Amino acid sequence: MQLKLMYFDFPFWRAEVSRLALHLGGIPFEDVRPNREAFMAMKRSGELPYGQLPVLDVDGVRIAQSVSIARFCGQVSGLYPKDHLVDQARVDELLDTCTQLTHILGSSMSIKDAEEKMRARQKLGAKVLPKWLGFLESRLNQNHSSDYFVGDHLSVADLAIWRILGWLTGGILDGIPTNLLEAHPHLKAHYDRIGDLEGVRSWMARYA
């Protein structure tokens, strides 16, 4: 099986969850990271199904949309539940939650006025994001017998949550506090645990 995954050269969850899944599963893939000029050329050519990245080519067949790609990569790498429909749905739920959080932050991205944008970010950081992080910690705590979000093993849900939390708290979003996880100790422990996995650390070293 020939795999080619295309996304920009930064560790945003939309593609990094799939890159990590393939890496951790020992699945060979072509890791294509187009710059903006190359992306715009791809977009103009009409080769991107929805005019956006990531896309994944599987033996020449193109798959689009982050969650579908993550699910596929999780399946082939052993990081997606097998034969358990409820656990599969729970993983999908968490991937969809990452999409929803991205949209919540995205509402502030298009604000042109700097002061208005900062006010919006401060509201997100003070009220909206703490509420959603509380939701996530609650979902984590409901999996009583495990250090993971679903079942007893690492899944693409853990990788996706880890990367979106890294985005939220990494200091690259002006006006969003970097200490959001301090009020959610179990979620922070999960974040630290996933980030300390050897395969994750070796992969992320490329960004250091």
Protein backbone atom coordinates (compact mmCIF):
# COMPACT_ATOMS: atom_id res chain seq x y z
CA MET A 1 0.00 0.00 0.00
CA GLN A 2 1.43 3.35 -1.09
CA LEU A 3 0.51 6.29 1.16
CA LYS A 4 1.17 9.98 0.54
CA LEU A 5 0.05 12.47 3.18
CA MET A 6 0.09 16.16 2.30
CA TYR A 7 -0.07 19.04 4.75
CA PHE A 8 1.90 22.12 5.73
CA ASP A 9 5.15 21.88 7.68
CA PHE A 10 3.86 22.48 11.18
CA PRO A 11 2.40 20.15 13.83
CA PHE A 12 -1.25 21.18 13.77
CA TRP A 13 -3.56 18.37 14.85
CA ARG A 14 -5.42 18.20 11.52
CA ALA A 15 -2.54 16.28 9.95
CA GLU A 16 -0.14 15.60 12.81
CA VAL A 17 -2.45 13.02 14.35
CA SER A 18 -2.23 11.02 11.11
CA ARG A 19 1.51 11.54 10.69
CA LEU A 20 2.05 10.36 14.26
CA ALA A 21 -0.26 7.37 13.88
CA LEU A 22 1.60 6.15 10.81
CA HIS A 23 4.96 6.81 12.45
CA LEU A 24 4.03 4.99 15.66
CA GLY A 25 2.54 2.10 13.69
CA GLY A 26 5.67 1.71 11.57
CA ILE A 27 3.66 2.34 8.40
CA PRO A 28 5.78 3.80 5.56
CA PHE A 29 4.35 6.93 3.97
CA GLU A 30 5.45 9.84 1.84
CA ASP A 31 5.33 12.93 4.03
CA VAL A 32 4.71 15.84 1.66
CA ARG A 33 4.79 19.33 3.16
CA PRO A 34 3.95 21.93 0.50
CA ASN A 35 4.73 25.59 1.05
CA ARG A 36 2.06 28.22 0.44
CA GLU A 37 3.00 28.68 -3.21
CA ALA A 38 2.72 24.95 -3.89
CA PHE A 39 -0.57 24.80 -1.99
CA MET A 40 -2.06 27.64 -4.01
CA ALA A 41 -1.01 25.90 -7.22
CA MET A 42 -2.71 22.70 -6.04
CA LYS A 43 -5.81 24.67 -5.16
CA ARG A 44 -5.94 26.40 -8.55
CA SER A 45 -5.52 23.10 -10.34
CA GLY A 46 -8.66 21.70 -8.71
CA GLU A 47 -6.82 18.64 -7.41
CA LEU A 48 -7.88 19.28 -3.81
CA PRO A 49 -11.42 17.90 -3.31
CA TYR A 50 -12.45 20.74 -0.98
CA GLY A 51 -9.73 23.24 -1.78
CA GLN A 52 -7.84 22.52 1.41
CA LEU A 53 -5.29 20.30 3.14
CA PRO A 54 -4.67 17.69 4.46
CA VAL A 55 -5.25 15.06 1.82
CA LEU A 56 -4.11 11.45 1.82
CA ASP A 57 -3.45 9.42 -1.32
CA VAL A 58 -3.90 5.67 -0.89
CA ASP A 59 -2.61 3.79 -3.92
CA GLY A 60 -3.49 6.86 -5.96
CA VAL A 61 -6.98 7.30 -4.49
CA ARG A 62 -7.37 10.65 -2.72
CA ILE A 63 -9.02 10.97 0.68
CA ALA A 64 -9.83 14.39 2.15
CA GLN A 65 -10.98 15.80 5.51
CA SER A 66 -8.91 15.52 8.66
CA VAL A 67 -11.13 13.18 10.66
CA SER A 68 -11.56 10.69 7.82
CA ILE A 69 -7.81 10.66 7.24
CA ALA A 70 -7.10 10.25 10.96
CA ARG A 71 -9.56 7.37 11.19
CA PHE A 72 -7.97 5.61 8.21
CA CYS A 73 -4.44 6.11 9.56
CA GLY A 74 -5.56 4.89 12.96
CA GLN A 75 -7.02 1.76 11.43
CA VAL A 76 -3.94 0.82 9.42
CA SER A 77 -1.59 1.59 12.33
CA GLY A 78 -3.56 -0.25 15.01
CA LEU A 79 -4.53 2.95 16.82
CA TYR A 80 -8.26 2.73 16.21
CA PRO A 81 -10.55 0.27 18.04
CA LYS A 82 -11.29 -2.98 16.23
CA ASP A 83 -14.71 -4.63 16.24
CA HIS A 84 -16.08 -2.44 19.04
CA LEU A 85 -18.62 0.01 17.68
CA VAL A 86 -19.04 2.00 20.88
CA ASP A 87 -15.30 2.57 21.28
CA GLN A 88 -15.06 3.51 17.61
CA ALA A 89 -17.83 6.07 18.11
CA ARG A 90 -16.06 7.45 21.19
CA VAL A 91 -12.84 7.95 19.23
CA ASP A 92 -14.81 9.65 16.45
CA GLU A 93 -16.50 11.86 19.05
CA LEU A 94 -13.14 13.12 20.30
CA LEU A 95 -11.87 13.76 16.77
CA ASP A 96 -15.04 15.73 16.08
CA THR A 97 -14.46 17.66 19.31
CA CYS A 98 -11.06 18.73 18.00
CA THR A 99 -12.78 20.00 14.87
CA GLN A 100 -15.28 21.92 16.97
CA LEU A 101 -12.56 23.48 19.13
CA THR A 102 -10.72 24.53 15.98
CA HIS A 103 -13.87 26.25 14.73
CA ILE A 104 -14.34 27.97 18.09
CA LEU A 105 -10.83 29.44 17.87
CA GLY A 106 -11.29 30.12 14.18
CA SER A 107 -13.98 32.67 14.95
CA SER A 108 -11.27 34.98 16.27
CA MET A 109 -8.85 34.42 13.41
CA SER A 110 -10.76 36.58 10.94
CA ILE A 111 -11.08 39.62 13.23
CA LYS A 112 -9.05 42.43 11.66
CA ASP A 113 -9.14 45.00 14.46
CA ALA A 114 -6.35 44.16 16.92
CA GLU A 115 -8.18 45.34 20.05
CA GLU A 116 -11.39 43.58 19.11
CA LYS A 117 -9.44 40.40 18.38
CA MET A 118 -7.70 40.56 21.77
CA ARG A 119 -11.04 41.02 23.55
CA ALA A 120 -12.41 37.98 21.74
CA ARG A 121 -9.32 35.92 22.64
CA GLN A 122 -9.51 36.99 26.28
CA LYS A 123 -13.13 35.86 26.43
CA LEU A 124 -12.19 32.55 24.85
CA GLY A 125 -9.33 32.09 27.30
CA ALA A 126 -11.33 33.07 30.38
CA LYS A 127 -14.67 31.39 29.72
CA VAL A 128 -15.08 29.31 26.59
CA LEU A 129 -11.92 27.21 26.53
CA PRO A 130 -11.94 26.38 30.27
CA LYS A 131 -15.47 25.05 29.81
CA TRP A 132 -14.41 22.83 26.91
CA LEU A 133 -11.29 21.62 28.70
CA GLY A 134 -13.57 20.68 31.58
CA PHE A 135 -15.68 18.66 29.14
CA LEU A 136 -12.57 16.84 27.94
CA GLU A 137 -11.31 16.13 31.45
CA SER A 138 -14.71 14.73 32.33
CA ARG A 139 -14.63 12.42 29.31
CA LEU A 140 -11.12 11.29 30.26
CA ASN A 141 -12.18 10.59 33.85
CA GLN A 142 -15.12 8.50 32.66
CA ASN A 143 -12.63 5.96 31.29
CA HIS A 144 -11.90 4.84 34.84
CA SER A 145 -9.58 1.92 34.15
CA SER A 146 -7.18 3.62 31.80
CA ASP A 147 -4.73 6.43 31.21
CA TYR A 148 -6.26 6.92 27.78
CA PHE A 149 -9.47 8.45 26.50
CA VAL A 150 -10.85 5.23 25.04
CA GLY A 151 -10.14 1.71 26.23
CA ASP A 152 -6.78 0.62 27.62
CA HIS A 153 -4.56 1.57 24.69
CA LEU A 154 -3.32 4.62 22.87
CA SER A 155 -5.60 5.71 20.03
CA VAL A 156 -5.74 8.49 17.49
CA ALA A 157 -8.11 10.25 19.90
CA ASP A 158 -5.27 10.63 22.41
CA LEU A 159 -2.94 11.94 19.72
CA ALA A 160 -5.50 14.44 18.44
CA ILE A 161 -6.33 15.77 21.90
CA TRP A 162 -2.61 16.01 22.70
CA ARG A 163 -1.90 18.07 19.60
CA ILE A 164 -4.86 20.43 19.94
CA LEU A 165 -3.94 21.08 23.57
CA GLY A 166 -0.41 21.83 22.43
CA TRP A 167 -1.81 24.34 19.96
CA LEU A 168 -4.01 26.00 22.58
CA THR A 169 -1.33 26.27 25.26
CA GLY A 170 1.80 26.65 23.14
CA GLY A 171 1.90 30.45 23.21
CA ILE A 172 1.27 30.95 19.50
CA LEU A 173 -2.30 32.22 19.95
CA ASP A 174 -2.15 35.82 21.12
CA GLY A 175 -4.40 36.43 24.11
CA ILE A 176 -4.89 32.74 24.96
CA PRO A 177 -3.31 31.84 28.32
CA THR A 178 -0.61 29.19 28.23
CA ASN A 179 -1.62 27.83 31.65
CA LEU A 180 -5.11 26.65 30.73
CA LEU A 181 -4.33 23.07 31.74
CA GLU A 182 -3.39 23.96 35.30
CA ALA A 183 -7.05 23.90 36.33
CA HIS A 184 -7.49 20.44 34.79
CA PRO A 185 -4.86 18.18 36.41
CA HIS A 186 -5.98 14.89 34.88
CA LEU A 187 -6.06 16.38 31.40
CA LYS A 188 -2.63 17.91 31.99
CA ALA A 189 -1.29 14.56 33.18
CA HIS A 190 -2.61 12.95 30.00
CA TYR A 191 -1.01 15.69 27.90
CA ASP A 192 2.34 15.19 29.61
CA ARG A 193 2.11 11.41 29.35
CA ILE A 194 1.40 11.35 25.62
CA GLY A 195 4.11 13.91 24.93
CA ASP A 196 6.63 11.77 26.81
CA LEU A 197 6.07 8.63 24.74
CA GLU A 198 9.33 7.70 23.02
CA GLY A 199 7.81 7.47 19.55
CA VAL A 200 6.07 10.80 19.98
CA ARG A 201 9.22 12.52 21.27
CA SER A 202 11.35 11.16 18.43
CA TRP A 203 8.85 12.35 15.84
CA MET A 204 8.38 15.80 17.37
CA ALA A 205 12.14 16.33 17.59
CA ARG A 206 12.02 17.47 13.96
CA TYR A 207 10.28 20.67 15.12
CA ALA A 208 12.80 21.48 17.86
